[in-house]
Amino acid sequence: MNGTDTLFWRMGANPLTRPHVTWLWYLDRTPDWNAFLDGCQWIVKSLPRLTHRVLDTPVRAGTPAWIPDPHFRLTRHVHRMRLPEPAGRRDLLDLVEWRNGADFDPLHPPWEATLVEGYEQDQAAILLKWHHSIGDAVTIVSVMNRLLPDAAPTVLPRGPRAPSEHTVPRTAPITRLPLSAAAHGVTDGTRTLLRQSVRWLTTPRAAGDRVRLAGRAAAQLLQPVTPSPLLRERSSAIRCGMVTVALTDLKAAGKAAGVSVTSAYVSAVLDAFHRYHAYHGVNHRSVPTLVPVNIRKPFETGAGNIIASVRIAGPIGDMPAPARMAAVHSAITEARGALVQDVHTTLANLGSWVPGLVHWLLFPPVLRSAVDIVVTSVPGFSHATFAAGARVANAVAWAPRGGAAANISMASHEGTCAIGTNLDPAAVTDTSLFHHCLEQSLHELITG
């Protein structure tokens, strides 16, 4: 694991910061179960990481390692269920909440896929869930874009059937490592990261510049922004929802204000929180807002998490939509300008040495005071996509809150932006009102 992967893995120990990512694919019809199972088997064969579990260090300090799960069984991770009829959107969202709140068994690979039948009678959905330590959304979408077909096959391909227990086929063997050898690998990897980080910080030629950059990055994340008194409570409970908007409309709104699509989207979310606060009679000018950003270089295509986050004072005061978009765009641009990949990577690697107990005790209260809202924008499929012969009609992502009151995530798919809301009902006590505010904000943003 790299330092950011390790951070997500350690956060998973506490229910308040559990980093599960959930992705729901709406299908235009119910696929054949055997074809779905064959497809999952083929993807697992193509991605050996899906057959690996995490081996942590003895004191949960330093970087863990991915090792083959000697007891891997596909049916432990791939499931099938049918919703009670008549089932609609709320039933699917209830399912998302249930699965999102369930923890992974640390002795097995942290992911699962469920074929959900009975949605609106003859339709279905695929519910994917993975631990954020496996990889960020850019990694997952990139892989799926390569593996999933962009046209429905005239005849569904049927490869060799897996054994009845659906183990990984012999063409994708699982190497069994002695525990001592695996632990030795963890130690070597940790030592390498530590040496690289220390070397990076102490090279005489640029040590001063690097320390200044590190300080600048830390200052950006720690800038004082007063949390909202309305969103102060935290719990491990989850309330999910979704809203959709046309991508062309969102682009047009951003273009009219001279800002990016992301800035337009973030400003709509902040306007929704402005409306929510106004309804409750709370006047608050800004809230600490975290915006994850992709820091990959053009040549980087590897797995794992190659992301960072910028923290801004998200404006939720009373202001016109164009002014809010301009303020958000300026804040994000300035924050990203202070973000240097090498600095972030080094700080993350050094942060992996923070013992797991410290993560458990300190992360929830620190994050509670440092972040109210996380606003995430993830890439969607770049083309029409099919799973087991069924077309993916829409795809919605719910990203983890990480101790915040809410994480609002947007993913585009074939011209539609689906926004998944992961709310903490202890902080956002009227979730129906918030979704109404979000719909109003988006409507006014795109209609001017």
Protein backbone atom coordinates (compact mmCIF):
# COMPACT_ATOMS: atom_id res chain seq x y z
CA MET A 1 0.00 0.00 0.00
CA ASN A 2 1.00 3.61 -0.43
CA GLY A 3 0.53 6.17 2.33
CA THR A 4 -2.96 7.25 1.20
CA ASP A 5 -4.13 3.62 0.90
CA THR A 6 -2.88 3.08 4.45
CA LEU A 7 -4.76 6.13 5.73
CA PHE A 8 -8.03 4.75 4.35
CA TRP A 9 -7.32 1.30 5.76
CA ARG A 10 -6.68 2.67 9.26
CA MET A 11 -9.77 4.90 9.11
CA GLY A 12 -11.85 1.77 8.59
CA ALA A 13 -11.25 0.62 12.16
CA ASN A 14 -13.67 3.24 13.51
CA PRO A 15 -17.35 3.17 12.41
CA LEU A 16 -17.42 6.98 12.40
CA THR A 17 -14.76 7.15 9.67
CA ARG A 18 -15.41 3.92 7.79
CA PRO A 19 -14.26 4.47 4.16
CA HIS A 20 -16.64 2.34 2.12
CA VAL A 21 -17.45 3.33 -1.46
CA THR A 22 -20.77 2.17 -2.90
CA TRP A 23 -21.68 2.27 -6.56
CA LEU A 24 -25.13 1.41 -7.95
CA TRP A 25 -25.58 0.55 -11.61
CA TYR A 26 -29.17 0.73 -12.86
CA LEU A 27 -29.73 -1.88 -15.60
CA ASP A 28 -32.29 -1.77 -18.37
CA ARG A 29 -33.24 -5.41 -17.76
CA THR A 30 -32.47 -8.36 -15.52
CA PRO A 31 -29.35 -10.19 -16.72
CA ASP A 32 -28.86 -13.94 -16.63
CA TRP A 33 -27.39 -14.95 -13.25
CA ASN A 34 -24.88 -17.39 -14.72
CA ALA A 35 -23.72 -14.77 -17.22
CA PHE A 36 -23.30 -12.29 -14.36
CA LEU A 37 -21.34 -14.82 -12.34
CA ASP A 38 -19.14 -15.64 -15.34
CA GLY A 39 -18.48 -11.93 -15.84
CA CYS A 40 -17.47 -11.48 -12.20
CA GLN A 41 -15.20 -14.50 -12.45
CA TRP A 42 -13.52 -13.07 -15.55
CA ILE A 43 -12.99 -9.66 -13.90
CA VAL A 44 -11.46 -11.31 -10.83
CA LYS A 45 -9.19 -13.31 -13.09
CA SER A 46 -8.13 -10.07 -14.82
CA LEU A 47 -7.58 -8.21 -11.53
CA PRO A 48 -5.60 -10.35 -9.09
CA ARG A 49 -5.86 -7.59 -6.46
CA LEU A 50 -9.47 -8.69 -5.95
CA THR A 51 -8.22 -11.99 -4.54
CA HIS A 52 -5.90 -10.30 -2.02
CA ARG A 53 -6.51 -9.37 1.59
CA VAL A 54 -4.69 -6.88 3.81
CA LEU A 55 -1.88 -7.90 6.15
CA ASP A 56 -1.28 -5.10 8.63
CA THR A 57 1.84 -4.54 10.70
CA PRO A 58 1.85 -5.92 14.28
CA VAL A 59 1.34 -2.51 15.93
CA ARG A 60 -0.68 -1.02 13.04
CA ALA A 61 2.05 1.51 12.24
CA GLY A 62 3.77 1.65 8.87
CA THR A 63 2.30 0.45 5.59
CA PRO A 64 0.29 -2.80 5.35
CA ALA A 65 0.63 -5.15 2.37
CA TRP A 66 -1.74 -6.95 0.03
CA ILE A 67 -1.29 -10.72 0.23
CA PRO A 68 -3.21 -13.54 -1.53
CA ASP A 69 -6.22 -14.83 0.38
CA PRO A 70 -5.63 -18.60 0.55
CA HIS A 71 -9.34 -19.14 1.23
CA PHE A 72 -10.68 -16.91 -1.54
CA ARG A 73 -14.08 -17.98 -2.84
CA LEU A 74 -15.97 -15.95 -5.41
CA THR A 75 -19.37 -16.60 -3.81
CA ARG A 76 -18.17 -14.97 -0.61
CA HIS A 77 -18.10 -11.68 -2.54
CA VAL A 78 -20.73 -12.06 -5.30
CA HIS A 79 -24.37 -12.28 -4.26
CA ARG A 80 -27.88 -12.29 -5.67
CA MET A 81 -31.07 -10.98 -4.07
CA ARG A 82 -34.58 -9.95 -5.01
CA LEU A 83 -36.39 -6.91 -3.65
CA PRO A 84 -39.92 -7.36 -2.26
CA GLU A 85 -42.49 -6.21 -4.81
CA PRO A 86 -43.43 -3.57 -5.65
CA ALA A 87 -39.93 -2.14 -5.28
CA GLY A 88 -38.91 1.38 -6.22
CA ARG A 89 -36.02 3.81 -5.76
CA ARG A 90 -36.36 4.06 -1.98
CA ASP A 91 -36.01 0.28 -1.66
CA LEU A 92 -32.74 0.41 -3.57
CA LEU A 93 -31.51 3.30 -1.42
CA ASP A 94 -32.38 1.37 1.73
CA LEU A 95 -30.29 -1.48 0.39
CA VAL A 96 -27.38 0.90 -0.26
CA GLU A 97 -27.59 2.13 3.33
CA TRP A 98 -27.64 -1.41 4.71
CA ARG A 99 -24.65 -2.61 2.73
CA ASN A 100 -22.70 0.61 3.23
CA GLY A 101 -23.01 0.25 7.00
CA ALA A 102 -21.77 -3.36 7.06
CA ASP A 103 -18.06 -3.81 7.68
CA PHE A 104 -15.75 -6.09 5.71
CA ASP A 105 -14.14 -9.20 7.15
CA PRO A 106 -10.43 -8.19 7.44
CA LEU A 107 -9.37 -11.78 6.70
CA HIS A 108 -10.72 -11.58 3.14
CA PRO A 109 -10.59 -9.14 0.19
CA PRO A 110 -12.65 -6.03 1.06
CA TRP A 111 -15.16 -5.86 -1.78
CA GLU A 112 -18.55 -7.26 -2.82
CA ALA A 113 -20.96 -7.22 -5.77
CA THR A 114 -24.69 -7.92 -5.57
CA LEU A 115 -27.13 -8.47 -8.42
CA VAL A 116 -30.41 -6.91 -7.24
CA GLU A 117 -33.52 -8.17 -9.03
CA GLY A 118 -37.14 -7.02 -8.82
CA TYR A 119 -36.50 -3.28 -9.16
CA GLU A 120 -39.63 -1.80 -10.78
CA GLN A 121 -40.74 -5.36 -11.61
CA ASP A 122 -38.63 -6.25 -14.65
CA GLN A 123 -35.47 -4.21 -14.08
CA ALA A 124 -32.39 -4.82 -11.97
CA ALA A 125 -29.33 -3.18 -10.54
CA ILE A 126 -25.78 -4.09 -9.57
CA LEU A 127 -24.58 -2.89 -6.20
CA LEU A 128 -20.79 -2.65 -5.91
CA LYS A 129 -19.02 -1.92 -2.66
CA TRP A 130 -15.31 -1.71 -1.96
CA HIS A 131 -12.99 -0.47 0.74
CA HIS A 132 -11.36 2.79 -0.30
CA SER A 133 -7.92 1.28 0.39
CA ILE A 134 -8.32 -0.79 -2.81
CA GLY A 135 -8.35 2.30 -4.97
CA ASP A 136 -10.02 5.61 -5.73
CA ALA A 137 -12.86 6.13 -8.19
CA VAL A 138 -10.48 7.08 -11.02
CA THR A 139 -8.77 3.70 -10.65
CA ILE A 140 -12.02 1.73 -10.54
CA VAL A 141 -13.66 3.54 -13.46
CA SER A 142 -10.52 3.25 -15.57
CA VAL A 143 -10.42 -0.49 -14.99
CA MET A 144 -14.13 -0.94 -15.70
CA ASN A 145 -13.87 1.13 -18.88
CA ARG A 146 -11.24 -1.32 -20.11
CA LEU A 147 -12.97 -4.51 -19.01
CA LEU A 148 -16.67 -3.94 -19.69
CA PRO A 149 -18.00 -4.18 -23.27
CA ASP A 150 -19.39 -1.13 -25.04
CA ALA A 151 -21.99 -3.12 -26.99
CA ALA A 152 -24.44 -5.84 -26.13
CA PRO A 153 -23.22 -9.21 -27.44
CA THR A 154 -25.54 -11.01 -29.83
CA VAL A 155 -24.73 -14.20 -27.96
CA LEU A 156 -23.49 -13.97 -24.41
CA PRO A 157 -19.97 -15.43 -24.21
CA ARG A 158 -19.72 -18.42 -21.93
CA GLY A 159 -16.24 -19.25 -20.80
CA PRO A 160 -15.35 -22.36 -18.86
CA ARG A 161 -17.66 -22.72 -15.92
CA ALA A 162 -16.17 -22.31 -12.49
CA PRO A 163 -16.45 -25.18 -10.02
CA SER A 164 -19.65 -25.33 -8.01
CA GLU A 165 -18.13 -23.29 -5.19
CA HIS A 166 -16.98 -20.71 -7.81
CA THR A 167 -13.36 -20.54 -6.77
CA VAL A 168 -10.84 -18.63 -8.83
CA PRO A 169 -10.00 -20.67 -11.99
CA ARG A 170 -6.70 -22.48 -12.21
CA THR A 171 -5.49 -19.96 -14.77
CA ALA A 172 -5.39 -17.40 -11.93
CA PRO A 173 -3.64 -19.29 -9.14
CA ILE A 174 -3.41 -17.92 -5.65
CA THR A 175 0.05 -18.01 -4.16
CA ARG A 176 0.18 -19.09 -0.55
CA LEU A 177 2.76 -17.22 1.47
CA PRO A 178 3.96 -18.14 4.94
CA LEU A 179 2.93 -15.51 7.47
CA SER A 180 6.57 -14.76 8.30
CA ALA A 181 7.37 -14.10 4.63
CA ALA A 182 4.33 -11.83 4.23
CA ALA A 183 5.24 -9.90 7.38
CA HIS A 184 8.80 -9.53 6.06
CA GLY A 185 7.34 -8.00 2.89
CA VAL A 186 5.34 -5.51 4.96
CA THR A 187 8.48 -4.49 6.84
CA ASP A 188 10.53 -4.06 3.67
CA GLY A 189 7.83 -1.96 2.03
CA THR A 190 7.50 0.25 5.08
CA ARG A 191 11.25 0.76 5.31
CA THR A 192 11.42 1.71 1.65
CA LEU A 193 8.68 4.33 2.00
CA LEU A 194 10.30 5.76 5.11
CA ARG A 195 13.72 5.99 3.45
CA GLN A 196 12.23 7.67 0.40
CA SER A 197 10.34 10.20 2.54
CA VAL A 198 13.35 11.06 4.69
CA ARG A 199 15.57 11.36 1.59
CA TRP A 200 12.99 13.61 -0.07
CA LEU A 201 12.92 15.95 2.94
CA THR A 202 16.66 16.03 3.63
CA THR A 203 18.28 16.34 0.20
CA PRO A 204 20.43 19.48 0.73
CA ARG A 205 19.81 20.94 -2.71
CA ALA A 206 16.08 21.34 -2.22
CA ALA A 207 15.40 20.56 1.45
CA GLY A 208 14.41 24.15 2.22
CA ASP A 209 11.97 24.37 -0.67
CA ARG A 210 10.41 21.02 0.20
CA VAL A 211 9.92 21.93 3.83
CA ARG A 212 8.28 25.18 2.76
CA LEU A 213 6.00 23.30 0.37
CA ALA A 214 5.08 20.82 3.09
CA GLY A 215 4.30 23.67 5.46
CA ARG A 216 2.21 25.38 2.81
CA ALA A 217 0.22 22.22 2.19
CA ALA A 218 -0.36 21.66 5.91
CA ALA A 219 -1.42 25.28 6.40
CA GLN A 220 -3.94 24.97 3.59
CA LEU A 221 -5.58 21.97 5.27
CA LEU A 222 -5.48 23.55 8.74
CA GLN A 223 -6.73 27.03 7.87
CA PRO A 224 -9.27 28.17 10.49
CA VAL A 225 -12.87 27.79 9.32
CA THR A 226 -15.63 27.73 11.93
CA PRO A 227 -17.80 24.60 11.68
CA SER A 228 -21.55 25.02 11.47
CA PRO A 229 -23.40 24.76 14.82
CA LEU A 230 -26.27 23.14 12.92
CA LEU A 231 -24.11 20.23 11.71
CA ARG A 232 -22.10 19.57 14.89
CA GLU A 233 -23.41 16.10 15.83
CA ARG A 234 -21.93 12.91 14.38
CA SER A 235 -22.92 9.26 14.25
CA SER A 236 -22.22 6.14 12.19
CA ALA A 237 -25.78 6.15 10.80
CA ILE A 238 -26.26 6.59 7.05
CA ARG A 239 -29.05 8.17 5.04
CA CYS A 240 -28.64 7.98 1.26
CA GLY A 241 -30.43 9.79 -1.51
CA MET A 242 -29.93 10.75 -5.13
CA VAL A 243 -30.65 13.61 -7.52
CA THR A 244 -29.98 13.81 -11.25
CA VAL A 245 -29.18 16.72 -13.56
CA ALA A 246 -28.27 16.91 -17.23
CA LEU A 247 -24.53 17.29 -17.81
CA THR A 248 -25.11 19.79 -20.64
CA ASP A 249 -27.17 22.00 -18.30
CA LEU A 250 -24.50 21.94 -15.61
CA LYS A 251 -21.79 22.74 -18.16
CA ALA A 252 -23.83 25.63 -19.53
CA ALA A 253 -24.33 27.07 -16.04
CA GLY A 254 -20.62 26.87 -15.33
CA LYS A 255 -19.70 28.37 -18.70
CA ALA A 256 -22.08 31.29 -18.19
CA ALA A 257 -20.32 32.09 -14.92
CA GLY A 258 -16.85 31.49 -16.36
CA VAL A 259 -16.13 28.52 -14.06
CA SER A 260 -15.64 24.77 -14.41
CA VAL A 261 -18.35 22.14 -14.14
CA THR A 262 -16.89 21.06 -10.81
CA SER A 263 -17.07 24.58 -9.40
CA ALA A 264 -20.68 24.93 -10.57
CA TYR A 265 -21.58 21.61 -8.95
CA VAL A 266 -19.83 22.42 -5.65
CA SER A 267 -21.54 25.81 -5.51
CA ALA A 268 -24.96 24.15 -5.99
CA VAL A 269 -24.25 21.84 -3.05
CA LEU A 270 -23.19 24.78 -0.89
CA ASP A 271 -26.30 26.71 -1.92
CA ALA A 272 -28.37 23.72 -0.77
CA PHE A 273 -26.70 23.94 2.64
CA HIS A 274 -27.38 27.71 2.65
CA ARG A 275 -31.08 27.01 2.12
CA TYR A 276 -31.03 24.28 4.76
CA HIS A 277 -29.45 26.65 7.30
CA ALA A 278 -31.85 29.47 6.41
CA TYR A 279 -34.84 27.18 6.94
CA HIS A 280 -33.58 26.46 10.46
CA GLY A 281 -32.91 30.14 11.12
CA VAL A 282 -29.14 29.71 11.30
CA ASN A 283 -26.97 32.39 9.72
CA HIS A 284 -23.52 31.00 8.98
CA ARG A 285 -21.18 32.44 6.36
CA SER A 286 -19.01 29.44 5.51
CA VAL A 287 -18.38 25.82 6.42
CA PRO A 288 -15.14 23.79 6.22
CA THR A 289 -15.48 21.90 2.94
CA LEU A 290 -13.22 19.16 1.61
CA VAL A 291 -12.91 18.63 -2.15
CA PRO A 292 -10.94 15.50 -3.25
CA VAL A 293 -8.82 16.02 -6.37
CA ASN A 294 -6.98 13.69 -8.71
CA ILE A 295 -3.21 14.27 -8.52
CA ARG A 296 -2.14 11.67 -11.07
CA LYS A 297 0.49 12.59 -13.57
CA PRO A 298 -0.29 11.77 -17.22
CA PHE A 299 1.86 8.63 -17.18
CA GLU A 300 0.45 7.26 -13.90
CA THR A 301 -2.09 4.49 -14.47
CA GLY A 302 -1.40 2.24 -11.47
CA ALA A 303 -3.87 0.98 -8.89
CA GLY A 304 -4.42 2.43 -5.47
CA ASN A 305 -5.28 5.93 -4.33
CA ILE A 306 -3.49 8.75 -6.11
CA ILE A 307 -5.67 11.54 -4.79
CA ALA A 308 -5.45 14.42 -2.37
CA SER A 309 -7.98 16.81 -0.86
CA VAL A 310 -8.18 20.56 -0.76
CA ARG A 311 -10.00 22.30 2.07
CA ILE A 312 -11.88 25.53 1.46
CA ALA A 313 -14.15 27.84 3.37
CA GLY A 314 -17.30 26.85 1.51
CA PRO A 315 -19.53 29.95 1.18
CA ILE A 316 -23.05 29.24 2.43
CA GLY A 317 -24.07 32.85 3.02
CA ASP A 318 -26.82 34.61 1.10
CA MET A 319 -25.41 35.49 -2.33
CA PRO A 320 -26.40 35.21 -6.02
CA ALA A 321 -25.53 31.95 -7.78
CA PRO A 322 -22.89 33.55 -10.09
CA ALA A 323 -21.12 35.13 -7.09
CA ARG A 324 -21.11 31.81 -5.22
CA MET A 325 -19.72 29.98 -8.26
CA ALA A 326 -16.98 32.58 -8.67
CA ALA A 327 -16.06 32.38 -4.96
CA VAL A 328 -15.94 28.57 -5.04
CA HIS A 329 -13.89 28.53 -8.24
CA SER A 330 -11.39 31.00 -6.84
CA ALA A 331 -11.04 29.09 -3.55
CA ILE A 332 -10.54 25.71 -5.25
CA THR A 333 -8.07 27.12 -7.77
CA GLU A 334 -6.00 28.74 -5.02
CA ALA A 335 -6.06 25.58 -2.89
CA ARG A 336 -5.06 23.37 -5.80
CA GLY A 337 -2.21 25.75 -6.57
CA ALA A 338 -0.79 24.95 -3.14
CA LEU A 339 -1.06 21.22 -3.75
CA VAL A 340 2.13 19.46 -4.86
CA GLN A 341 1.95 15.72 -5.52
CA ASP A 342 5.39 14.95 -4.10
CA VAL A 343 4.59 16.84 -0.90
CA HIS A 344 1.26 15.07 -0.46
CA THR A 345 2.80 11.66 -1.16
CA THR A 346 5.59 12.23 1.36
CA LEU A 347 3.23 13.49 4.08
CA ALA A 348 0.90 10.54 3.47
CA ASN A 349 3.80 8.08 3.70
CA LEU A 350 5.00 9.63 6.94
CA GLY A 351 1.40 9.65 8.22
CA SER A 352 1.25 5.87 7.80
CA TRP A 353 3.48 5.67 10.88
CA VAL A 354 0.72 7.09 13.08
CA PRO A 355 -0.37 4.06 15.16
CA GLY A 356 -3.82 2.62 14.56
CA LEU A 357 -4.92 3.41 18.11
CA VAL A 358 -4.30 7.11 17.45
CA HIS A 359 -6.47 6.91 14.34
CA TRP A 360 -9.24 5.33 16.40
CA LEU A 361 -9.10 7.88 19.23
CA LEU A 362 -8.21 11.14 17.51
CA PHE A 363 -9.44 11.05 13.92
CA PRO A 364 -13.21 11.34 14.61
CA PRO A 365 -12.97 14.43 16.88
CA VAL A 366 -10.30 16.07 14.69
CA LEU A 367 -12.26 15.52 11.49
CA ARG A 368 -15.47 16.63 13.18
CA SER A 369 -13.93 20.02 13.93
CA ALA A 370 -12.06 20.29 10.62
CA VAL A 371 -14.62 19.21 7.99
CA ASP A 372 -18.39 19.66 7.77
CA ILE A 373 -18.95 18.71 4.12
CA VAL A 374 -17.12 16.62 1.54
CA VAL A 375 -18.05 17.33 -2.09
CA THR A 376 -16.82 14.69 -4.51
CA SER A 377 -16.84 14.52 -8.31
CA VAL A 378 -15.89 11.19 -9.84
CA PRO A 379 -15.55 10.17 -13.50
CA GLY A 380 -18.25 8.07 -15.06
CA PHE A 381 -18.18 5.61 -17.92
CA SER A 382 -16.77 7.07 -21.10
CA HIS A 383 -19.05 5.01 -23.36
CA ALA A 384 -22.23 2.94 -23.38
CA THR A 385 -21.56 0.06 -21.02
CA PHE A 386 -23.03 -3.42 -20.65
CA ALA A 387 -22.86 -5.89 -17.79
CA ALA A 388 -23.83 -9.53 -18.44
CA GLY A 389 -25.66 -8.37 -21.59
CA ALA A 390 -27.74 -5.68 -19.81
CA ARG A 391 -27.14 -2.00 -20.52
CA VAL A 392 -26.05 0.21 -17.64
CA ALA A 393 -28.71 2.92 -17.82
CA ASN A 394 -27.32 5.04 -14.98
CA ALA A 395 -24.61 4.84 -12.33
CA VAL A 396 -24.67 6.51 -8.91
CA ALA A 397 -21.79 6.67 -6.42
CA TRP A 398 -21.87 7.21 -2.68
CA ALA A 399 -18.48 8.15 -1.24
CA PRO A 400 -17.59 7.85 2.46
CA ARG A 401 -18.12 10.79 4.82
CA GLY A 402 -14.84 10.24 6.67
CA GLY A 403 -16.17 11.90 9.82
CA ALA A 404 -17.96 14.76 8.04
CA ALA A 405 -21.67 15.51 8.27
CA ALA A 406 -22.18 14.71 4.57
CA ASN A 407 -20.45 13.57 1.42
CA ILE A 408 -22.20 14.63 -1.77
CA SER A 409 -20.83 12.73 -4.79
CA MET A 410 -21.44 13.33 -8.48
CA ALA A 411 -20.74 10.88 -11.32
CA SER A 412 -21.57 11.42 -14.99
CA HIS A 413 -23.00 8.71 -17.21
CA GLU A 414 -24.10 9.14 -20.82
CA GLY A 415 -25.02 12.81 -20.41
CA THR A 416 -26.59 12.51 -16.95
CA CYS A 417 -24.97 13.59 -13.71
CA ALA A 418 -26.17 11.43 -10.84
CA ILE A 419 -25.58 12.93 -7.41
CA GLY A 420 -25.48 10.51 -4.48
CA THR A 421 -25.94 11.99 -1.01
CA ASN A 422 -24.39 10.25 2.01
CA LEU A 423 -25.83 12.12 4.99
CA ASP A 424 -25.31 11.69 8.71
CA PRO A 425 -28.86 11.97 10.14
CA ALA A 426 -27.41 13.08 13.47
CA ALA A 427 -26.03 16.20 11.73
CA VAL A 428 -28.52 16.67 8.88
CA THR A 429 -31.58 15.85 10.93
CA ASP A 430 -34.14 16.61 8.19
CA THR A 431 -32.77 14.68 5.21
CA SER A 432 -35.94 15.13 3.15
CA LEU A 433 -35.64 18.90 3.51
CA PHE A 434 -32.01 18.83 2.45
CA HIS A 435 -32.80 16.85 -0.71
CA HIS A 436 -35.54 19.34 -1.50
CA CYS A 437 -33.02 22.17 -1.03
CA LEU A 438 -30.53 20.42 -3.32
CA GLU A 439 -33.14 19.97 -6.05
CA GLN A 440 -34.09 23.65 -5.78
CA SER A 441 -30.45 24.77 -5.92
CA LEU A 442 -29.73 22.71 -9.03
CA HIS A 443 -32.91 23.92 -10.72
CA GLU A 444 -32.12 27.58 -10.11
CA LEU A 445 -28.49 27.09 -11.12
CA ILE A 446 -29.35 25.70 -14.55
CA THR A 447 -32.33 27.97 -15.22
CA GLY A 448 -30.52 31.13 -14.19
